[in-house]
Amino acid sequence: MPIAPGNCLNSAASLFLTAGIPAVCHTTRIALNECSFGFVPHAGATYLCSRMEGDLGTFLALTGMPLSGSDALKLELADMYVKDPVNFEDNIIVGA
């Protein structure tokens, strides 16, 4: 169960989003922004993006637009919201 308490970019975002139970908090910022640096998205990002509903994965891979933790929950990319990542055992909200 990974928790992203800050920036989660590129390879870290791919690994985070494909984990078993990804958890986000109010400071989470997720972006698959390899293309904004002139790179082609790597295998982890293309695997993840090709399995997102509609054209959301294509949009995220081509634009590198960052998502907040609440956006990731709404788009069902994350499973849990953690109020306080330091004491997460007491603050987990499933599917908030």
PDB file of N, CA and C in Angstrom:
ATOM      1  N   MET A   1       0.837  -1.173   0.000  1.00  0.00           N
ATOM      2  CA  MET A   1       0.000   0.000   0.000  1.00  0.00           C
ATOM      3  C   MET A   1       0.884   1.240   0.000  1.00  0.00           C
ATOM      4  N   PRO A   2       1.164   1.795  -1.148  1.00  0.00           N
ATOM      5  CA  PRO A   2       1.960   3.029  -1.190  1.00  0.00           C
ATOM      6  C   PRO A   2       1.098   4.252  -0.886  1.00  0.00           C
ATOM      7  N   ILE A   3       1.690   5.228  -0.247  1.00  0.00           N
ATOM      8  CA  ILE A   3       1.039   6.505   0.016  1.00  0.00           C
ATOM      9  C   ILE A   3       1.871   7.579  -0.666  1.00  0.00           C
ATOM     10  N   ALA A   4       1.226   8.461  -1.404  1.00  0.00           N
ATOM     11  CA  ALA A   4       1.916   9.548  -2.096  1.00  0.00           C
ATOM     12  C   ALA A   4       1.637  10.863  -1.376  1.00  0.00           C
ATOM     13  N   PRO A   5       2.517  11.272  -0.445  1.00  0.00           N
ATOM     14  CA  PRO A   5       2.266  12.510   0.295  1.00  0.00           C
ATOM     15  C   PRO A   5       2.764  13.773  -0.401  1.00  0.00           C
ATOM     16  N   GLY A   6       3.241  13.690  -1.605  1.00  0.00           N
ATOM     17  CA  GLY A   6       3.755  14.865  -2.317  1.00  0.00           C
ATOM     18  C   GLY A   6       3.735  14.608  -3.806  1.00  0.00           C
ATOM     19  N   ASN A   7       4.782  15.036  -4.501  1.00  0.00           N
ATOM     20  CA  ASN A   7       4.877  14.828  -5.943  1.00  0.00           C
ATOM     21  C   ASN A   7       5.169  13.367  -6.264  1.00  0.00           C
ATOM     22  N   CYS A   8       4.427  12.848  -7.217  1.00  0.00           N
ATOM     23  CA  CYS A   8       4.614  11.482  -7.700  1.00  0.00           C
ATOM     24  C   CYS A   8       4.633  11.586  -9.219  1.00  0.00           C
ATOM     25  N   LEU A   9       5.835  11.624  -9.790  1.00  0.00           N
ATOM     26  CA  LEU A   9       5.983  11.933 -11.210  1.00  0.00           C
ATOM     27  C   LEU A   9       6.629  10.789 -11.977  1.00  0.00           C
ATOM     28  N   ASN A  10       6.316  10.690 -13.264  1.00  0.00           N
ATOM     29  CA  ASN A  10       6.945   9.784 -14.222  1.00  0.00           C
ATOM     30  C   ASN A  10       6.931   8.329 -13.770  1.00  0.00           C
ATOM     31  N   SER A  11       8.093   7.708 -13.589  1.00  0.00           N
ATOM     32  CA  SER A  11       8.174   6.299 -13.208  1.00  0.00           C
ATOM     33  C   SER A  11       7.529   6.042 -11.857  1.00  0.00           C
ATOM     34  N   ALA A  12       7.707   6.954 -10.925  1.00  0.00           N
ATOM     35  CA  ALA A  12       7.091   6.796  -9.603  1.00  0.00           C
ATOM     36  C   ALA A  12       5.574   6.789  -9.718  1.00  0.00           C
ATOM     37  N   ALA A  13       5.015   7.623 -10.583  1.00  0.00           N
ATOM     38  CA  ALA A  13       3.569   7.646 -10.776  1.00  0.00           C
ATOM     39  C   ALA A  13       3.078   6.333 -11.376  1.00  0.00           C
ATOM     40  N   SER A  14       3.807   5.789 -12.334  1.00  0.00           N
ATOM     41  CA  SER A  14       3.422   4.510 -12.938  1.00  0.00           C
ATOM     42  C   SER A  14       3.440   3.394 -11.909  1.00  0.00           C
ATOM     43  N   LEU A  15       4.499   3.330 -11.117  1.00  0.00           N
ATOM     44  CA  LEU A  15       4.583   2.298 -10.083  1.00  0.00           C
ATOM     45  C   LEU A  15       3.511   2.491  -9.023  1.00  0.00           C
ATOM     46  N   PHE A  16       3.274   3.738  -8.638  1.00  0.00           N
ATOM     47  CA  PHE A  16       2.275   4.037  -7.615  1.00  0.00           C
ATOM     48  C   PHE A  16       0.882   3.628  -8.076  1.00  0.00           C
ATOM     49  N   LEU A  17       0.506   4.009  -9.290  1.00  0.00           N
ATOM     50  CA  LEU A  17      -0.847   3.758  -9.765  1.00  0.00           C
ATOM     51  C   LEU A  17      -1.113   2.291 -10.081  1.00  0.00           C
ATOM     52  N   THR A  18      -0.077   1.492 -10.343  1.00  0.00           N
ATOM     53  CA  THR A  18      -0.284   0.072 -10.607  1.00  0.00           C
ATOM     54  C   THR A  18      -0.141  -0.780  -9.354  1.00  0.00           C
ATOM     55  N   ALA A  19       0.111  -0.159  -8.206  1.00  0.00           N
ATOM     56  CA  ALA A  19       0.232  -0.899  -6.950  1.00  0.00           C
ATOM     57  C   ALA A  19      -1.132  -1.435  -6.522  1.00  0.00           C
ATOM     58  N   GLY A  20      -1.114  -2.324  -5.556  1.00  0.00           N
ATOM     59  CA  GLY A  20      -2.338  -2.974  -5.104  1.00  0.00           C
ATOM     60  C   GLY A  20      -3.385  -2.033  -4.540  1.00  0.00           C
ATOM     61  N   ILE A  21      -3.012  -1.192  -3.600  1.00  0.00           N
ATOM     62  CA  ILE A  21      -3.946  -0.276  -2.949  1.00  0.00           C
ATOM     63  C   ILE A  21      -3.290   1.103  -2.839  1.00  0.00           C
ATOM     64  N   PRO A  22      -3.283   1.891  -3.902  1.00  0.00           N
ATOM     65  CA  PRO A  22      -2.657   3.210  -3.823  1.00  0.00           C
ATOM     66  C   PRO A  22      -3.483   4.162  -2.964  1.00  0.00           C
ATOM     67  N   ALA A  23      -2.799   4.920  -2.109  1.00  0.00           N
ATOM     68  CA  ALA A  23      -3.462   5.879  -1.226  1.00  0.00           C
ATOM     69  C   ALA A  23      -2.900   7.270  -1.487  1.00  0.00           C
ATOM     70  N   VAL A  24      -3.776   8.267  -1.471  1.00  0.00           N
ATOM     71  CA  VAL A  24      -3.389   9.650  -1.711  1.00  0.00           C
ATOM     72  C   VAL A  24      -3.754  10.496  -0.503  1.00  0.00           C
ATOM     73  N   CYS A  25      -3.211  11.717  -0.459  1.00  0.00           N
ATOM     74  CA  CYS A  25      -3.567  12.661   0.595  1.00  0.00           C
ATOM     75  C   CYS A  25      -3.774  14.036  -0.032  1.00  0.00           C
ATOM     76  N   HIS A  26      -3.979  15.050   0.791  1.00  0.00           N
ATOM     77  CA  HIS A  26      -4.317  16.377   0.270  1.00  0.00           C
ATOM     78  C   HIS A  26      -3.163  17.044  -0.476  1.00  0.00           C
ATOM     79  N   THR A  27      -1.927  16.609  -0.284  1.00  0.00           N
ATOM     80  CA  THR A  27      -0.784  17.222  -0.963  1.00  0.00           C
ATOM     81  C   THR A  27      -0.306  16.420  -2.176  1.00  0.00           C
ATOM     82  N   THR A  28      -0.980  15.358  -2.511  1.00  0.00           N
ATOM     83  CA  THR A  28      -0.562  14.499  -3.616  1.00  0.00           C
ATOM     84  C   THR A  28      -0.706  15.218  -4.952  1.00  0.00           C
ATOM     85  N   ARG A  29       0.307  15.069  -5.791  1.00  0.00           N
ATOM     86  CA  ARG A  29       0.287  15.569  -7.171  1.00  0.00           C
ATOM     87  C   ARG A  29       0.875  14.473  -8.051  1.00  0.00           C
ATOM     88  N   ILE A  30       0.058  13.877  -8.904  1.00  0.00           N
ATOM     89  CA  ILE A  30       0.467  12.769  -9.766  1.00  0.00           C
ATOM     90  C   ILE A  30       0.524  13.263 -11.211  1.00  0.00           C
ATOM     91  N   ALA A  31       1.631  12.981 -11.893  1.00  0.00           N
ATOM     92  CA  ALA A  31       1.742  13.384 -13.301  1.00  0.00           C
ATOM     93  C   ALA A  31       2.598  12.383 -14.066  1.00  0.00           C
ATOM     94  N   LEU A  32       2.149  12.039 -15.258  1.00  0.00           N
ATOM     95  CA  LEU A  32       2.909  11.204 -16.187  1.00  0.00           C
ATOM     96  C   LEU A  32       3.457  12.146 -17.251  1.00  0.00           C
ATOM     97  N   ASN A  33       4.447  12.936 -16.890  1.00  0.00           N
ATOM     98  CA  ASN A  33       4.863  14.057 -17.732  1.00  0.00           C
ATOM     99  C   ASN A  33       6.169  13.835 -18.490  1.00  0.00           C
ATOM    100  N   GLU A  34       6.449  12.636 -18.926  1.00  0.00           N
ATOM    101  CA  GLU A  34       7.651  12.389 -19.713  1.00  0.00           C
ATOM    102  C   GLU A  34       7.644  13.177 -21.023  1.00  0.00           C
ATOM    103  N   CYS A  35       6.473  13.287 -21.653  1.00  0.00           N
ATOM    104  CA  CYS A  35       6.378  13.978 -22.939  1.00  0.00           C
ATOM    105  C   CYS A  35       6.701  15.463 -22.828  1.00  0.00           C
ATOM    106  N   SER A  36       6.459  16.067 -21.666  1.00  0.00           N
ATOM    107  CA  SER A  36       6.775  17.487 -21.517  1.00  0.00           C
ATOM    108  C   SER A  36       8.283  17.728 -21.513  1.00  0.00           C
ATOM    109  N   PHE A  37       9.079  16.671 -21.306  1.00  0.00           N
ATOM    110  CA  PHE A  37      10.539  16.771 -21.369  1.00  0.00           C
ATOM    111  C   PHE A  37      11.088  16.310 -22.719  1.00  0.00           C
ATOM    112  N   GLY A  38      10.191  15.906 -23.632  1.00  0.00           N
ATOM    113  CA  GLY A  38      10.624  15.436 -24.939  1.00  0.00           C
ATOM    114  C   GLY A  38      10.886  13.946 -25.004  1.00  0.00           C
ATOM    115  N   PHE A  39      10.495  13.206 -23.960  1.00  0.00           N
ATOM    116  CA  PHE A  39      10.691  11.763 -23.938  1.00  0.00           C
ATOM    117  C   PHE A  39       9.417  11.035 -24.326  1.00  0.00           C
ATOM    118  N   VAL A  40       9.560   9.798 -24.728  1.00  0.00           N
ATOM    119  CA  VAL A  40       8.430   8.929 -24.993  1.00  0.00           C
ATOM    120  C   VAL A  40       8.070   8.230 -23.682  1.00  0.00           C
ATOM    121  N   PRO A  41       6.781   8.125 -23.342  1.00  0.00           N
ATOM    122  CA  PRO A  41       6.417   7.429 -22.106  1.00  0.00           C
ATOM    123  C   PRO A  41       6.984   6.007 -22.091  1.00  0.00           C
ATOM    124  N   HIS A  42       7.507   5.577 -20.978  1.00  0.00           N
ATOM    125  CA  HIS A  42       8.128   4.255 -20.883  1.00  0.00           C
ATOM    126  C   HIS A  42       7.058   3.180 -20.728  1.00  0.00           C
ATOM    127  N   ALA A  43       7.480   1.949 -20.684  1.00  0.00           N
ATOM    128  CA  ALA A  43       6.560   0.807 -20.704  1.00  0.00           C
ATOM    129  C   ALA A  43       5.568   0.828 -19.546  1.00  0.00           C
ATOM    130  N   GLY A  44       6.001   1.228 -18.379  1.00  0.00           N
ATOM    131  CA  GLY A  44       5.080   1.263 -17.243  1.00  0.00           C
ATOM    132  C   GLY A  44       3.948   2.245 -17.465  1.00  0.00           C
ATOM    133  N   ALA A  45       4.262   3.417 -18.004  1.00  0.00           N
ATOM    134  CA  ALA A  45       3.240   4.433 -18.251  1.00  0.00           C
ATOM    135  C   ALA A  45       2.301   4.018 -19.381  1.00  0.00           C
ATOM    136  N   THR A  46       2.846   3.425 -20.435  1.00  0.00           N
ATOM    137  CA  THR A  46       1.996   3.023 -21.547  1.00  0.00           C
ATOM    138  C   THR A  46       1.071   1.874 -21.142  1.00  0.00           C
ATOM    139  N   TYR A  47       1.547   0.974 -20.290  1.00  0.00           N
ATOM    140  CA  TYR A  47       0.692  -0.101 -19.792  1.00  0.00           C
ATOM    141  C   TYR A  47      -0.462   0.473 -18.995  1.00  0.00           C
ATOM    142  N   LEU A  48      -0.146   1.396 -18.104  1.00  0.00           N
ATOM    143  CA  LEU A  48      -1.163   2.005 -17.261  1.00  0.00           C
ATOM    144  C   LEU A  48      -2.148   2.828 -18.088  1.00  0.00           C
ATOM    145  N   CYS A  49      -1.630   3.676 -18.950  1.00  0.00           N
ATOM    146  CA  CYS A  49      -2.485   4.575 -19.729  1.00  0.00           C
ATOM    147  C   CYS A  49      -3.385   3.826 -20.705  1.00  0.00           C
ATOM    148  N   SER A  50      -2.912   2.728 -21.251  1.00  0.00           N
ATOM    149  CA  SER A  50      -3.731   1.989 -22.217  1.00  0.00           C
ATOM    150  C   SER A  50      -4.911   1.289 -21.548  1.00  0.00           C
ATOM    151  N   ARG A  51      -4.898   1.170 -20.245  1.00  0.00           N
ATOM    152  CA  ARG A  51      -5.973   0.499 -19.529  1.00  0.00           C
ATOM    153  C   ARG A  51      -6.932   1.445 -18.817  1.00  0.00           C
ATOM    154  N   MET A  52      -6.723   2.742 -18.964  1.00  0.00           N
ATOM    155  CA  MET A  52      -7.644   3.718 -18.374  1.00  0.00           C
ATOM    156  C   MET A  52      -8.874   3.852 -19.252  1.00  0.00           C
ATOM    157  N   GLU A  53      -9.987   4.237 -18.635  1.00  0.00           N
ATOM    158  CA  GLU A  53     -11.241   4.358 -19.376  1.00  0.00           C
ATOM    159  C   GLU A  53     -11.185   5.479 -20.395  1.00  0.00           C
ATOM    160  N   GLY A  54     -11.832   5.253 -21.511  1.00  0.00           N
ATOM    161  CA  GLY A  54     -11.902   6.269 -22.552  1.00  0.00           C
ATOM    162  C   GLY A  54     -10.521   6.665 -23.053  1.00  0.00           C
ATOM    163  N   ASP A  55     -10.339   7.940 -23.278  1.00  0.00           N
ATOM    164  CA  ASP A  55      -9.057   8.461 -23.740  1.00  0.00           C
ATOM    165  C   ASP A  55      -8.307   9.176 -22.624  1.00  0.00           C
ATOM    166  N   LEU A  56      -8.655   8.906 -21.384  1.00  0.00           N
ATOM    167  CA  LEU A  56      -7.998   9.557 -20.259  1.00  0.00           C
ATOM    168  C   LEU A  56      -6.505   9.258 -20.234  1.00  0.00           C
ATOM    169  N   GLY A  57      -6.117   8.014 -20.445  1.00  0.00           N
ATOM    170  CA  GLY A  57      -4.712   7.637 -20.441  1.00  0.00           C
ATOM    171  C   GLY A  57      -3.920   8.323 -21.526  1.00  0.00           C
ATOM    172  N   THR A  58      -4.497   8.406 -22.716  1.00  0.00           N
ATOM    173  CA  THR A  58      -3.831   9.104 -23.820  1.00  0.00           C
ATOM    174  C   THR A  58      -3.663  10.579 -23.488  1.00  0.00           C
ATOM    175  N   PHE A  59      -4.690  11.178 -22.930  1.00  0.00           N
ATOM    176  CA  PHE A  59      -4.629  12.591 -22.553  1.00  0.00           C
ATOM    177  C   PHE A  59      -3.541  12.831 -21.506  1.00  0.00           C
ATOM    178  N   LEU A  60      -3.486  11.998 -20.471  1.00  0.00           N
ATOM    179  CA  LEU A  60      -2.491  12.182 -19.414  1.00  0.00           C
ATOM    180  C   LEU A  60      -1.074  11.963 -19.925  1.00  0.00           C
ATOM    181  N   ALA A  61      -0.889  10.983 -20.796  1.00  0.00           N
ATOM    182  CA  ALA A  61       0.453  10.701 -21.326  1.00  0.00           C
ATOM    183  C   ALA A  61       0.940  11.795 -22.278  1.00  0.00           C
ATOM    184  N   LEU A  62       0.043  12.358 -23.065  1.00  0.00           N
ATOM    185  CA  LEU A  62       0.454  13.361 -24.048  1.00  0.00           C
ATOM    186  C   LEU A  62       0.577  14.760 -23.468  1.00  0.00           C
ATOM    187  N   THR A  63      -0.209  15.073 -22.444  1.00  0.00           N
ATOM    188  CA  THR A  63      -0.167  16.427 -21.891  1.00  0.00           C
ATOM    189  C   THR A  63       0.698  16.535 -20.646  1.00  0.00           C
ATOM    190  N   GLY A  64       0.814  15.453 -19.876  1.00  0.00           N
ATOM    191  CA  GLY A  64       1.559  15.502 -18.620  1.00  0.00           C
ATOM    192  C   GLY A  64       0.842  16.301 -17.549  1.00  0.00           C
ATOM    193  N   MET A  65      -0.451  16.512 -17.710  1.00  0.00           N
ATOM    194  CA  MET A  65      -1.232  17.299 -16.755  1.00  0.00           C
ATOM    195  C   MET A  65      -1.231  16.628 -15.380  1.00  0.00           C
ATOM    196  N   PRO A  66      -0.904  17.369 -14.333  1.00  0.00           N
ATOM    197  CA  PRO A  66      -0.892  16.771 -12.997  1.00  0.00           C
ATOM    198  C   PRO A  66      -2.309  16.591 -12.443  1.00  0.00           C
ATOM    199  N   LEU A  67      -2.481  15.533 -11.674  1.00  0.00           N
ATOM    200  CA  LEU A  67      -3.738  15.259 -10.990  1.00  0.00           C
ATOM    201  C   LEU A  67      -3.525  15.426  -9.497  1.00  0.00           C
ATOM    202  N   SER A  68      -4.510  15.969  -8.818  1.00  0.00           N
ATOM    203  CA  SER A  68      -4.434  16.048  -7.359  1.00  0.00           C
ATOM    204  C   SER A  68      -4.905  14.716  -6.768  1.00  0.00           C
ATOM    205  N   GLY A  69      -4.756  14.565  -5.473  1.00  0.00           N
ATOM    206  CA  GLY A  69      -5.209  13.344  -4.814  1.00  0.00           C
ATOM    207  C   GLY A  69      -6.700  13.140  -4.966  1.00  0.00           C
ATOM    208  N   SER A  70      -7.480  14.220  -4.849  1.00  0.00           N
ATOM    209  CA  SER A  70      -8.933  14.086  -4.999  1.00  0.00           C
ATOM    210  C   SER A  70      -9.305  13.741  -6.443  1.00  0.00           C
ATOM    211  N   ASP A  71      -8.549  14.267  -7.419  1.00  0.00           N
ATOM    212  CA  ASP A  71      -8.787  13.893  -8.817  1.00  0.00           C
ATOM    213  C   ASP A  71      -8.539  12.399  -9.031  1.00  0.00           C
ATOM    214  N   ALA A  72      -7.458  11.886  -8.448  1.00  0.00           N
ATOM    215  CA  ALA A  72      -7.130  10.466  -8.591  1.00  0.00           C
ATOM    216  C   ALA A  72      -8.223   9.587  -7.990  1.00  0.00           C
ATOM    217  N   LEU A  73      -8.804  10.016  -6.883  1.00  0.00           N
ATOM    218  CA  LEU A  73      -9.913   9.254  -6.296  1.00  0.00           C
ATOM    219  C   LEU A  73     -11.143   9.289  -7.193  1.00  0.00           C
ATOM    220  N   LYS A  74     -11.477  10.463  -7.711  1.00  0.00           N
ATOM    221  CA  LYS A  74     -12.655  10.594  -8.579  1.00  0.00           C
ATOM    222  C   LYS A  74     -12.513   9.772  -9.858  1.00  0.00           C
ATOM    223  N   LEU A  75     -11.288   9.685 -10.373  1.00  0.00           N
ATOM    224  CA  LEU A  75     -11.036   8.923 -11.596  1.00  0.00           C
ATOM    225  C   LEU A  75     -10.756   7.451 -11.319  1.00  0.00           C
ATOM    226  N   GLU A  76     -10.858   7.049 -10.058  1.00  0.00           N
ATOM    227  CA  GLU A  76     -10.642   5.673  -9.597  1.00  0.00           C
ATOM    228  C   GLU A  76      -9.233   5.175  -9.895  1.00  0.00           C
ATOM    229  N   LEU A  77      -8.249   6.083  -9.840  1.00  0.00           N
ATOM    230  CA  LEU A  77      -6.848   5.696  -9.979  1.00  0.00           C
ATOM    231  C   LEU A  77      -6.242   5.375  -8.620  1.00  0.00           C
ATOM    232  N   ALA A  78      -6.866   5.856  -7.551  1.00  0.00           N
ATOM    233  CA  ALA A  78      -6.424   5.574  -6.186  1.00  0.00           C
ATOM    234  C   ALA A  78      -7.591   4.972  -5.421  1.00  0.00           C
ATOM    235  N   ASP A  79      -7.270   4.190  -4.393  1.00  0.00           N
ATOM    236  CA  ASP A  79      -8.305   3.494  -3.635  1.00  0.00           C
ATOM    237  C   ASP A  79      -8.619   4.133  -2.289  1.00  0.00           C
ATOM    238  N   MET A  80      -7.663   4.846  -1.714  1.00  0.00           N
ATOM    239  CA  MET A  80      -7.855   5.397  -0.372  1.00  0.00           C
ATOM    240  C   MET A  80      -7.375   6.829  -0.285  1.00  0.00           C
ATOM    241  N   TYR A  81      -7.974   7.559   0.656  1.00  0.00           N
ATOM    242  CA  TYR A  81      -7.535   8.914   0.981  1.00  0.00           C
ATOM    243  C   TYR A  81      -7.049   8.900   2.427  1.00  0.00           C
ATOM    244  N   VAL A  82      -5.876   9.455   2.662  1.00  0.00           N
ATOM    245  CA  VAL A  82      -5.289   9.503   3.999  1.00  0.00           C
ATOM    246  C   VAL A  82      -5.216  10.967   4.419  1.00  0.00           C
ATOM    247  N   LYS A  83      -5.875  11.319   5.530  1.00  0.00           N
ATOM    248  CA  LYS A  83      -5.869  12.708   6.000  1.00  0.00           C
ATOM    249  C   LYS A  83      -4.476  13.154   6.421  1.00  0.00           C
ATOM    250  N   ASP A  84      -3.816  12.348   7.239  1.00  0.00           N
ATOM    251  CA  ASP A  84      -2.496  12.686   7.781  1.00  0.00           C
ATOM    252  C   ASP A  84      -1.542  11.545   7.469  1.00  0.00           C
ATOM    253  N   PRO A  85      -0.609  11.709   6.492  1.00  0.00           N
ATOM    254  CA  PRO A  85       0.263  10.601   6.101  1.00  0.00           C
ATOM    255  C   PRO A  85       1.242  10.159   7.183  1.00  0.00           C
ATOM    256  N   VAL A  86       1.450  10.967   8.228  1.00  0.00           N
ATOM    257  CA  VAL A  86       2.357  10.575   9.305  1.00  0.00           C
ATOM    258  C   VAL A  86       1.704   9.519  10.193  1.00  0.00           C
ATOM    259  N   ASN A  87       0.440   9.712  10.519  1.00  0.00           N
ATOM    260  CA  ASN A  87      -0.311   8.773  11.357  1.00  0.00           C
ATOM    261  C   ASN A  87      -1.435   8.147  10.540  1.00  0.00           C
ATOM    262  N   PHE A  88      -1.067   7.476   9.463  1.00  0.00           N
ATOM    263  CA  PHE A  88      -2.078   7.015   8.510  1.00  0.00           C
ATOM    264  C   PHE A  88      -2.980   5.919   9.045  1.00  0.00           C
ATOM    265  N   GLU A  89      -2.561   5.167  10.061  1.00  0.00           N
ATOM    266  CA  GLU A  89      -3.414   4.090  10.572  1.00  0.00           C
ATOM    267  C   GLU A  89      -4.738   4.615  11.102  1.00  0.00           C
ATOM    268  N   ASP A  90      -4.729   5.827  11.670  1.00  0.00           N
ATOM    269  CA  ASP A  90      -5.928   6.388  12.279  1.00  0.00           C
ATOM    270  C   ASP A  90      -6.733   7.250  11.328  1.00  0.00           C
ATOM    271  N   ASN A  91      -6.212   7.513  10.127  1.00  0.00           N
ATOM    272  CA  ASN A  91      -6.832   8.512   9.264  1.00  0.00           C
ATOM    273  C   ASN A  91      -7.208   8.011   7.883  1.00  0.00           C
ATOM    274  N   ILE A  92      -7.354   6.725   7.704  1.00  0.00           N
ATOM    275  CA  ILE A  92      -7.655   6.192   6.373  1.00  0.00           C
ATOM    276  C   ILE A  92      -9.149   6.318   6.096  1.00  0.00           C
ATOM    277  N   ILE A  93      -9.461   6.848   4.926  1.00  0.00           N
ATOM    278  CA  ILE A  93     -10.836   6.922   4.453  1.00  0.00           C
ATOM    279  C   ILE A  93     -10.875   6.157   3.141  1.00  0.00           C
ATOM    280  N   VAL A  94     -11.569   5.044   3.117  1.00  0.00           N
ATOM    281  CA  VAL A  94     -11.598   4.191   1.930  1.00  0.00           C
ATOM    282  C   VAL A  94     -12.601   4.753   0.926  1.00  0.00           C
ATOM    283  N   GLY A  95     -12.111   4.959  -0.310  1.00  0.00           N
ATOM    284  CA  GLY A  95     -12.966   5.408  -1.398  1.00  0.00           C
ATOM    285  C   GLY A  95     -13.659   6.740  -1.149  1.00  0.00           C
ATOM    286  N   ALA A  96     -12.976   7.674  -0.512  1.00  0.00           N
ATOM    287  CA  ALA A  96     -13.596   8.940  -0.140  1.00  0.00           C
ATOM    288  C   ALA A  96     -13.986   9.746  -1.306  1.00  0.00           C
TER     289      ALA A  96
END
